[in-house]
């Protein structure tokens, strides 16, 4: 009779372990799906940030930030930009940085090259679009122009 009980216990333990593993896999799949959705939302928010940055650049280029009548509208625009930045921070979306100034193929797409013998090959000379990461995962590559001799 004890063999029968031991066998039943072993079967029950094996069944519970299998169910536990299945639940862990389901949880992991759910977490991955959530991460993908958050990355997608982040990508959409990045487009909004692009629009803010382009608008801010145009405002400065045209000197509109110097006009008294425009200052209030600009302030509202920048408030919306700051709110978007706060959302980025909340969801751990960060700009890709290139501290050494050299392009990284994993993080950027080269959209143009310029010759310049005074600079190292691959040095970033301009950033067309900022790249972004979420929790260290690439959401969007930076678009850069680099030195190529």
N, C-alpha and C. Protein backbone atom coordinates (compact mmCIF):
# COMPACT_ATOMS: atom_id res chain seq x y z
N UNK A 1 0.81 -1.20 0.00
CA UNK A 1 0.00 0.00 0.00
C UNK A 1 0.86 1.27 0.00
N UNK A 2 1.99 1.25 0.69
CA UNK A 2 2.85 2.42 0.71
C UNK A 2 3.47 2.67 -0.67
N UNK A 3 3.70 1.61 -1.46
CA UNK A 3 4.18 1.80 -2.83
C UNK A 3 3.14 2.55 -3.66
N UNK A 4 1.89 2.22 -3.44
CA UNK A 4 0.80 2.86 -4.17
C UNK A 4 0.71 4.34 -3.77
N UNK A 5 0.87 4.63 -2.50
CA UNK A 5 0.81 6.02 -2.02
C UNK A 5 2.00 6.80 -2.56
N UNK A 6 3.20 6.20 -2.50
CA UNK A 6 4.39 6.85 -3.03
C UNK A 6 4.25 7.13 -4.52
N UNK A 7 3.72 6.18 -5.23
CA UNK A 7 3.52 6.36 -6.67
C UNK A 7 2.53 7.48 -6.94
N UNK A 8 1.44 7.51 -6.16
CA UNK A 8 0.43 8.56 -6.31
C UNK A 8 1.04 9.93 -5.99
N UNK A 9 1.85 10.01 -4.90
CA UNK A 9 2.50 11.26 -4.53
C UNK A 9 3.47 11.71 -5.62
N UNK A 10 4.24 10.80 -6.17
CA UNK A 10 5.18 11.13 -7.23
C UNK A 10 4.44 11.65 -8.46
N UNK A 11 3.33 11.00 -8.80
CA UNK A 11 2.52 11.45 -9.94
C UNK A 11 1.96 12.84 -9.69
N UNK A 12 1.48 13.07 -8.46
CA UNK A 12 0.90 14.37 -8.10
C UNK A 12 1.97 15.45 -8.16
N UNK A 13 3.15 15.17 -7.61
CA UNK A 13 4.25 16.13 -7.63
C UNK A 13 4.66 16.43 -9.07
N UNK A 14 4.77 15.40 -9.89
CA UNK A 14 5.14 15.60 -11.30
C UNK A 14 4.09 16.45 -12.02
N UNK A 15 2.84 16.19 -11.73
CA UNK A 15 1.75 16.95 -12.36
C UNK A 15 1.81 18.41 -11.91
N UNK A 16 2.02 18.65 -10.62
CA UNK A 16 2.11 20.01 -10.10
C UNK A 16 3.31 20.75 -10.66
N UNK A 17 4.42 20.06 -10.80
CA UNK A 17 5.62 20.68 -11.38
C UNK A 17 5.39 21.07 -12.83
N UNK A 18 4.71 20.19 -13.55
CA UNK A 18 4.41 20.48 -14.96
C UNK A 18 3.47 21.69 -15.06
N UNK A 19 2.44 21.74 -14.21
CA UNK A 19 1.51 22.87 -14.21
C UNK A 19 2.23 24.17 -13.83
N UNK A 20 3.13 24.08 -12.86
CA UNK A 20 3.90 25.25 -12.44
C UNK A 20 4.76 25.76 -13.59
N UNK A 21 5.42 24.87 -14.31
CA UNK A 21 6.23 25.26 -15.45
C UNK A 21 5.37 25.89 -16.55
N UNK A 22 4.21 25.32 -16.80
CA UNK A 22 3.30 25.88 -17.81
C UNK A 22 2.87 27.29 -17.41
N UNK A 23 2.56 27.49 -16.14
CA UNK A 23 2.15 28.83 -15.67
C UNK A 23 3.30 29.83 -15.78
N UNK A 24 4.52 29.38 -15.45
CA UNK A 24 5.67 30.26 -15.59
C UNK A 24 5.85 30.67 -17.05
N UNK A 25 5.70 29.70 -17.96
CA UNK A 25 5.83 30.01 -19.39
C UNK A 25 4.74 30.96 -19.85
N UNK A 26 3.52 30.74 -19.38
CA UNK A 26 2.41 31.65 -19.73
C UNK A 26 2.68 33.05 -19.21
N UNK A 27 3.17 33.14 -17.97
CA UNK A 27 3.49 34.44 -17.38
C UNK A 27 4.59 35.13 -18.18
N UNK A 28 5.62 34.37 -18.54
CA UNK A 28 6.72 34.95 -19.32
C UNK A 28 6.21 35.45 -20.68
N UNK A 29 5.35 34.66 -21.33
CA UNK A 29 4.79 35.08 -22.62
C UNK A 29 3.95 36.34 -22.46
N UNK A 30 3.18 36.42 -21.39
CA UNK A 30 2.37 37.62 -21.12
C UNK A 30 3.26 38.83 -20.90
N UNK A 31 4.34 38.64 -20.14
CA UNK A 31 5.27 39.74 -19.91
C UNK A 31 5.94 40.20 -21.19
N UNK A 32 6.31 39.26 -22.05
CA UNK A 32 6.91 39.62 -23.34
C UNK A 32 5.92 40.38 -24.21
N UNK A 33 4.67 39.93 -24.22
CA UNK A 33 3.64 40.61 -25.00
C UNK A 33 3.43 42.03 -24.49
N UNK A 34 3.43 42.19 -23.16
CA UNK A 34 3.28 43.52 -22.57
C UNK A 34 4.48 44.40 -22.93
N UNK A 35 5.67 43.85 -22.86
CA UNK A 35 6.86 44.61 -23.25
C UNK A 35 6.78 45.07 -24.70
N UNK A 36 6.33 44.18 -25.59
CA UNK A 36 6.19 44.57 -27.01
C UNK A 36 5.17 45.69 -27.16
N UNK A 37 4.07 45.60 -26.43
CA UNK A 37 3.05 46.66 -26.51
C UNK A 37 3.60 47.99 -25.99
N UNK A 38 4.34 47.93 -24.88
CA UNK A 38 4.94 49.15 -24.36
C UNK A 38 5.95 49.73 -25.34
N UNK A 39 6.72 48.88 -25.99
CA UNK A 39 7.65 49.34 -27.03
C UNK A 39 6.90 50.01 -28.18
N UNK A 40 5.77 49.43 -28.57
CA UNK A 40 4.96 50.01 -29.65
C UNK A 40 4.42 51.37 -29.25
N UNK A 41 3.93 51.47 -28.01
CA UNK A 41 3.43 52.76 -27.52
C UNK A 41 4.57 53.77 -27.48
N UNK A 42 5.74 53.30 -27.01
CA UNK A 42 6.91 54.17 -26.99
C UNK A 42 7.26 54.68 -28.37
N UNK A 43 7.19 53.81 -29.36
CA UNK A 43 7.49 54.21 -30.74
C UNK A 43 6.51 55.28 -31.21
N UNK A 44 5.24 55.15 -30.83
CA UNK A 44 4.25 56.16 -31.19
C UNK A 44 4.54 57.49 -30.50
N UNK A 45 4.91 57.43 -29.21
CA UNK A 45 5.25 58.64 -28.47
C UNK A 45 6.49 59.32 -29.04
N UNK A 46 7.41 58.53 -29.54
CA UNK A 46 8.62 59.09 -30.14
C UNK A 46 8.26 59.97 -31.34
N UNK A 47 7.26 59.56 -32.10
CA UNK A 47 6.83 60.38 -33.24
C UNK A 47 6.30 61.73 -32.76
N UNK A 48 5.62 61.72 -31.61
CA UNK A 48 5.13 62.98 -31.04
C UNK A 48 6.31 63.84 -30.60
N UNK A 49 7.30 63.21 -29.96
CA UNK A 49 8.49 63.95 -29.53
C UNK A 49 9.20 64.53 -30.74
N UNK A 50 9.29 63.78 -31.84
CA UNK A 50 9.90 64.30 -33.07
C UNK A 50 9.19 65.58 -33.51
N UNK A 51 7.87 65.56 -33.47
CA UNK A 51 7.09 66.74 -33.90
C UNK A 51 7.38 67.93 -32.99
N UNK A 52 7.46 67.68 -31.67
CA UNK A 52 7.79 68.77 -30.75
C UNK A 52 9.17 69.34 -31.05
N UNK A 53 10.13 68.47 -31.26
CA UNK A 53 11.49 68.93 -31.49
C UNK A 53 11.61 69.70 -32.80
N UNK A 54 10.90 69.25 -33.84
CA UNK A 54 10.93 69.99 -35.11
C UNK A 54 10.27 71.35 -34.96
N UNK A 55 9.13 71.38 -34.25
CA UNK A 55 8.44 72.65 -34.04
C UNK A 55 9.32 73.60 -33.24
N UNK A 56 9.96 73.09 -32.20
CA UNK A 56 10.84 73.94 -31.38
C UNK A 56 12.00 74.47 -32.21
N UNK A 57 12.55 73.63 -33.06
CA UNK A 57 13.66 74.04 -33.92
C UNK A 57 13.21 75.14 -34.89
N UNK A 58 12.04 74.96 -35.50
CA UNK A 58 11.52 75.97 -36.44
C UNK A 58 11.27 77.31 -35.73
N UNK A 59 10.72 77.22 -34.53
CA UNK A 59 10.44 78.42 -33.75
C UNK A 59 11.72 79.21 -33.51
N UNK A 60 12.77 78.50 -33.10
CA UNK A 60 14.05 79.16 -32.82
C UNK A 60 14.69 79.69 -34.10
N UNK A 61 14.63 78.89 -35.19
CA UNK A 61 15.22 79.31 -36.45
C UNK A 61 14.57 80.59 -36.99
N UNK A 62 13.28 80.72 -36.80
CA UNK A 62 12.55 81.88 -37.31
C UNK A 62 12.52 83.04 -36.31
N UNK A 63 13.09 82.83 -35.14
CA UNK A 63 13.11 83.88 -34.14
C UNK A 63 11.77 84.15 -33.50
N UNK A 64 10.85 83.21 -33.66
CA UNK A 64 9.51 83.42 -33.09
C UNK A 64 9.51 83.40 -31.57
N UNK A 65 10.54 82.78 -30.99
CA UNK A 65 10.60 82.73 -29.53
C UNK A 65 10.96 84.09 -28.93
N UNK A 66 11.26 85.04 -29.79
CA UNK A 66 11.58 86.40 -29.35
C UNK A 66 10.35 87.30 -29.36
N UNK A 67 9.32 86.89 -30.08
CA UNK A 67 8.11 87.71 -30.20
C UNK A 67 7.21 87.51 -28.98
N UNK A 68 6.79 88.59 -28.40
CA UNK A 68 5.96 88.54 -27.19
C UNK A 68 4.65 87.79 -27.43
N UNK A 69 4.05 87.99 -28.60
CA UNK A 69 2.76 87.34 -28.89
C UNK A 69 2.89 85.82 -29.02
N UNK A 70 4.07 85.34 -29.36
CA UNK A 70 4.28 83.91 -29.55
C UNK A 70 4.70 83.19 -28.27
N UNK A 71 5.20 83.92 -27.30
CA UNK A 71 5.79 83.30 -26.11
C UNK A 71 4.81 82.40 -25.36
N UNK A 72 3.56 82.81 -25.26
CA UNK A 72 2.56 82.01 -24.53
C UNK A 72 2.29 80.69 -25.25
N UNK A 73 2.12 80.74 -26.56
CA UNK A 73 1.88 79.52 -27.34
C UNK A 73 3.09 78.59 -27.26
N UNK A 74 4.27 79.16 -27.32
CA UNK A 74 5.49 78.36 -27.22
C UNK A 74 5.58 77.70 -25.86
N UNK A 75 5.22 78.44 -24.82
CA UNK A 75 5.25 77.89 -23.47
C UNK A 75 4.32 76.68 -23.36
N UNK A 76 3.14 76.76 -23.98
CA UNK A 76 2.19 75.64 -23.98
C UNK A 76 2.76 74.44 -24.75
N UNK A 77 3.36 74.74 -25.87
CA UNK A 77 3.98 73.69 -26.68
C UNK A 77 5.05 72.95 -25.87
N UNK A 78 5.89 73.73 -25.20
CA UNK A 78 6.97 73.12 -24.43
C UNK A 78 6.45 72.39 -23.20
N UNK A 79 5.32 72.81 -22.65
CA UNK A 79 4.71 72.08 -21.54
C UNK A 79 4.27 70.69 -22.00
N UNK A 80 3.67 70.61 -23.18
CA UNK A 80 3.27 69.31 -23.72
C UNK A 80 4.49 68.44 -23.99
N UNK A 81 5.57 69.05 -24.43
CA UNK A 81 6.81 68.31 -24.65
C UNK A 81 7.34 67.76 -23.33
N UNK A 82 7.33 68.58 -22.28
CA UNK A 82 7.81 68.12 -20.97
C UNK A 82 6.94 66.98 -20.43
N UNK A 83 5.65 67.03 -20.69
CA UNK A 83 4.76 65.94 -20.25
C UNK A 83 5.11 64.65 -20.99
N UNK A 84 5.41 64.77 -22.26
CA UNK A 84 5.82 63.59 -23.04
C UNK A 84 7.14 63.05 -22.50
N UNK A 85 8.06 63.94 -22.16
CA UNK A 85 9.34 63.50 -21.57
C UNK A 85 9.10 62.78 -20.24
N UNK A 86 8.12 63.23 -19.46
CA UNK A 86 7.80 62.58 -18.19
C UNK A 86 7.26 61.16 -18.43
N UNK A 87 6.49 61.00 -19.49
CA UNK A 87 5.99 59.67 -19.86
C UNK A 87 7.17 58.78 -20.26
N UNK A 88 8.11 59.35 -21.01
CA UNK A 88 9.31 58.60 -21.37
C UNK A 88 10.03 58.11 -20.11
N UNK A 89 10.19 59.00 -19.16
CA UNK A 89 10.88 58.63 -17.92
C UNK A 89 10.12 57.54 -17.17
N UNK A 90 8.81 57.68 -17.10
CA UNK A 90 7.98 56.70 -16.38
C UNK A 90 8.14 55.30 -16.97
N UNK A 91 8.21 55.23 -18.29
CA UNK A 91 8.30 53.93 -18.96
C UNK A 91 9.73 53.59 -19.39
N UNK A 92 10.70 54.31 -18.82
CA UNK A 92 12.11 54.02 -19.01
C UNK A 92 12.54 54.07 -20.49
N UNK A 93 12.02 55.07 -21.18
CA UNK A 93 12.41 55.31 -22.58
C UNK A 93 13.50 56.38 -22.56
N UNK A 94 14.65 56.03 -23.11
CA UNK A 94 15.78 56.95 -23.08
C UNK A 94 16.34 57.18 -24.48
N UNK A 95 16.91 58.36 -24.65
CA UNK A 95 17.57 58.68 -25.91
C UNK A 95 18.87 57.89 -26.00
N UNK A 96 19.19 57.48 -27.21
CA UNK A 96 20.47 56.81 -27.44
C UNK A 96 21.56 57.87 -27.44
N UNK A 97 22.57 57.62 -26.65
CA UNK A 97 23.72 58.53 -26.58
C UNK A 97 24.92 57.86 -27.24
N UNK A 98 25.76 58.67 -27.80
CA UNK A 98 27.00 58.21 -28.39
C UNK A 98 28.13 58.99 -27.72
N UNK A 99 28.50 58.60 -26.50
CA UNK A 99 29.45 59.40 -25.73
C UNK A 99 30.80 59.60 -26.41
N UNK A 100 31.22 58.64 -27.21
CA UNK A 100 32.50 58.80 -27.90
C UNK A 100 32.33 59.45 -29.27
N UNK A 101 31.07 59.72 -29.64
CA UNK A 101 30.80 60.38 -30.92
C UNK A 101 30.94 59.50 -32.13
N UNK A 102 31.09 58.19 -31.93
CA UNK A 102 31.28 57.24 -33.03
C UNK A 102 29.99 56.45 -33.23
N UNK A 103 29.61 56.27 -34.48
CA UNK A 103 28.39 55.52 -34.82
C UNK A 103 28.52 54.06 -34.40
N UNK A 104 27.42 53.52 -33.93
CA UNK A 104 27.33 52.11 -33.53
C UNK A 104 26.27 51.47 -34.42
N UNK A 105 26.65 50.51 -35.24
CA UNK A 105 25.72 49.90 -36.20
C UNK A 105 24.50 49.28 -35.53
N UNK A 106 24.62 48.88 -34.27
CA UNK A 106 23.49 48.28 -33.56
C UNK A 106 22.46 49.33 -33.13
N UNK A 107 22.90 50.59 -33.05
CA UNK A 107 22.02 51.63 -32.52
C UNK A 107 21.66 52.72 -33.51
N UNK A 108 22.31 52.73 -34.66
CA UNK A 108 22.01 53.80 -35.61
C UNK A 108 22.03 53.32 -37.05
N UNK A 109 21.40 54.11 -37.86
CA UNK A 109 21.38 53.88 -39.30
C UNK A 109 22.08 55.08 -39.94
N UNK A 110 23.04 54.81 -40.77
CA UNK A 110 23.79 55.87 -41.44
C UNK A 110 22.97 56.34 -42.64
N UNK A 111 22.63 57.63 -42.64
CA UNK A 111 21.82 58.17 -43.72
C UNK A 111 22.64 59.01 -44.69
N UNK A 112 23.90 59.25 -44.32
CA UNK A 112 24.77 60.03 -45.19
C UNK A 112 26.18 60.02 -44.67
N UNK A 113 27.10 60.35 -45.56
CA UNK A 113 28.52 60.41 -45.19
C UNK A 113 29.12 61.70 -45.72
N UNK A 114 30.16 62.16 -45.02
CA UNK A 114 30.92 63.32 -45.47
C UNK A 114 32.40 63.03 -45.28
N UNK A 115 33.24 63.47 -46.21
CA UNK A 115 34.68 63.28 -46.04
C UNK A 115 35.23 64.38 -45.11
N UNK A 116 36.10 63.99 -44.20
CA UNK A 116 36.75 64.95 -43.32
C UNK A 116 37.98 64.28 -42.71
N UNK A 117 39.14 64.55 -43.28
CA UNK A 117 40.37 63.91 -42.84
C UNK A 117 40.78 64.31 -41.42
N UNK A 118 40.19 65.38 -40.90
CA UNK A 118 40.55 65.82 -39.55
C UNK A 118 39.80 65.05 -38.47
N UNK A 119 38.84 64.21 -38.89
CA UNK A 119 38.04 63.45 -37.92
C UNK A 119 38.17 61.96 -38.18
N UNK A 120 37.96 61.17 -37.13
CA UNK A 120 38.06 59.71 -37.24
C UNK A 120 36.90 59.16 -38.06
N UNK A 121 37.18 58.09 -38.77
CA UNK A 121 36.17 57.38 -39.55
C UNK A 121 35.02 56.96 -38.63
N UNK A 122 33.79 57.21 -39.06
CA UNK A 122 32.62 56.81 -38.28
C UNK A 122 32.16 57.85 -37.27
N UNK A 123 32.87 58.98 -37.19
CA UNK A 123 32.45 60.04 -36.27
C UNK A 123 31.11 60.61 -36.72
N UNK A 124 30.21 60.77 -35.79
CA UNK A 124 28.89 61.32 -36.10
C UNK A 124 29.02 62.84 -36.26
N UNK A 125 28.57 63.34 -37.43
CA UNK A 125 28.61 64.79 -37.66
C UNK A 125 27.25 65.43 -37.48
N UNK A 126 26.19 64.63 -37.64
CA UNK A 126 24.85 65.15 -37.36
C UNK A 126 23.88 64.00 -37.12
N UNK A 127 22.87 64.31 -36.35
CA UNK A 127 21.82 63.33 -36.03
C UNK A 127 20.53 63.83 -36.66
N UNK A 128 20.01 63.07 -37.62
CA UNK A 128 18.75 63.44 -38.28
C UNK A 128 17.56 63.11 -37.41
N UNK A 129 17.59 61.95 -36.80
CA UNK A 129 16.54 61.52 -35.87
C UNK A 129 17.21 60.89 -34.67
N UNK A 130 16.74 61.25 -33.51
CA UNK A 130 17.26 60.67 -32.28
C UNK A 130 16.79 59.24 -32.17
N UNK A 131 17.66 58.37 -31.70
CA UNK A 131 17.28 56.98 -31.44
C UNK A 131 16.84 56.82 -30.00
N UNK A 132 16.06 55.76 -29.74
CA UNK A 132 15.54 55.54 -28.39
C UNK A 132 15.62 54.07 -28.00
N UNK A 133 15.81 53.87 -26.68
CA UNK A 133 15.80 52.55 -26.06
C UNK A 133 14.71 52.54 -25.00
N UNK A 134 14.17 51.36 -24.73
CA UNK A 134 13.30 51.17 -23.57
C UNK A 134 13.85 49.99 -22.79
N UNK A 135 14.26 50.27 -21.58
CA UNK A 135 14.89 49.24 -20.75
C UNK A 135 16.06 48.57 -21.48
N UNK A 136 16.80 49.36 -22.24
CA UNK A 136 17.96 48.82 -22.94
C UNK A 136 17.65 48.15 -24.26
N UNK A 137 16.37 48.01 -24.60
CA UNK A 137 15.98 47.41 -25.89
C UNK A 137 15.75 48.53 -26.91
N UNK A 138 16.20 48.29 -28.11
CA UNK A 138 16.07 49.28 -29.17
C UNK A 138 14.61 49.45 -29.58
N UNK A 139 14.15 50.70 -29.54
CA UNK A 139 12.81 51.02 -30.06
C UNK A 139 12.95 51.62 -31.45
N UNK A 140 13.92 52.55 -31.58
CA UNK A 140 14.17 53.16 -32.88
C UNK A 140 15.65 53.52 -32.99
N UNK A 141 16.22 53.16 -34.12
CA UNK A 141 17.62 53.51 -34.39
C UNK A 141 17.73 55.02 -34.61
N UNK A 142 18.85 55.56 -34.23
CA UNK A 142 19.17 56.95 -34.55
C UNK A 142 19.51 57.00 -36.04
N UNK A 143 19.18 58.09 -36.67
CA UNK A 143 19.58 58.31 -38.07
C UNK A 143 20.68 59.35 -38.04
N UNK A 144 21.87 58.94 -38.51
CA UNK A 144 23.04 59.80 -38.40
C UNK A 144 23.78 59.96 -39.71
N UNK A 145 24.53 61.05 -39.76
CA UNK A 145 25.46 61.28 -40.85
C UNK A 145 26.85 61.17 -40.24
N UNK A 146 27.72 60.45 -40.91
CA UNK A 146 29.05 60.19 -40.35
C UNK A 146 30.18 60.58 -41.29
N UNK A 147 31.38 60.62 -40.72
CA UNK A 147 32.59 60.86 -41.51
C UNK A 147 32.99 59.55 -42.17
N UNK A 148 33.26 59.64 -43.46
CA UNK A 148 33.79 58.48 -44.20
C UNK A 148 34.82 59.03 -45.17
N UNK A 149 36.06 58.61 -44.97
CA UNK A 149 37.15 59.09 -45.83
C UNK A 149 37.53 58.08 -46.89
